[in-house]
Amino acid sequence: MLLRDAQILFGRGGLICALNTSASSIALPPGEVLLTSSPLIDGRLAPDSAAWLG
């Protein structure tokens, strides 16, 4: 697990979950976006959202 200011990343079996708990969008880690809890903003993870990447 990687914890940054307002970003939590963890993975298992080739999947990565990225969580953004901040009030601004953040860059996603490399990988194919499989699912997001909110639409991306210019390819970035929206505030208070999660994304799953493969």
Protein backbone atom coordinates (compact mmCIF):
# COMPACT_ATOMS: atom_id res chain seq x y z
CA MET A 1 0.00 0.00 0.00
CA LEU A 2 1.21 3.48 -0.87
CA LEU A 3 -0.14 6.45 1.05
CA ARG A 4 0.38 10.01 -0.18
CA ASP A 5 -1.20 13.27 1.03
CA ALA A 6 -4.70 12.44 -0.16
CA GLN A 7 -4.08 9.38 -2.32
CA ILE A 8 -4.12 5.72 -1.35
CA LEU A 9 -2.95 3.05 -3.79
CA PHE A 10 -3.08 -0.68 -3.22
CA GLY A 11 -2.99 -3.69 -5.45
CA ARG A 12 -3.65 -7.37 -5.53
CA GLY A 13 -3.34 -9.93 -8.30
CA GLY A 14 -2.62 -7.41 -11.05
CA LEU A 15 -5.37 -4.97 -10.04
CA ILE A 16 -4.72 -1.54 -8.55
CA CYS A 17 -7.21 0.52 -6.57
CA ALA A 18 -6.56 4.27 -6.40
CA LEU A 19 -8.46 6.39 -3.88
CA ASN A 20 -8.54 10.19 -3.97
CA THR A 21 -9.69 11.76 -0.70
CA SER A 22 -8.67 15.30 -1.65
CA ALA A 23 -10.68 18.24 -2.99
CA SER A 24 -8.82 18.28 -6.34
CA SER A 25 -8.23 15.77 -9.13
CA ILE A 26 -5.06 13.65 -9.11
CA ALA A 27 -3.02 11.75 -11.69
CA LEU A 28 -3.69 8.03 -11.95
CA PRO A 29 -0.94 5.41 -11.80
CA PRO A 30 -0.07 3.63 -15.05
CA GLY A 31 -2.55 0.99 -16.17
CA GLU A 32 -5.83 0.48 -17.98
CA VAL A 33 -8.77 2.10 -16.19
CA LEU A 34 -11.37 -0.61 -15.63
CA LEU A 35 -13.88 1.20 -13.44
CA THR A 36 -14.28 4.54 -11.67
CA SER A 37 -16.74 5.71 -9.05
CA SER A 38 -16.96 9.13 -10.76
CA PRO A 39 -16.12 10.29 -14.29
CA LEU A 40 -12.47 11.17 -14.90
CA ILE A 41 -11.58 14.84 -15.25
CA ASP A 42 -9.18 15.25 -18.20
CA GLY A 43 -7.84 11.74 -17.51
CA ARG A 44 -7.39 12.43 -13.80
CA LEU A 45 -9.18 10.91 -10.82
CA ALA A 46 -11.92 13.22 -9.54
CA PRO A 47 -12.05 14.36 -5.91
CA ASP A 48 -13.52 11.89 -3.40
CA SER A 49 -13.42 9.08 -5.98
CA ALA A 50 -11.92 5.66 -6.58
CA ALA A 51 -10.58 3.93 -9.68
CA TRP A 52 -9.66 0.33 -10.40
CA LEU A 53 -6.90 -0.31 -12.93
CA GLY A 54 -5.60 -3.47 -14.51
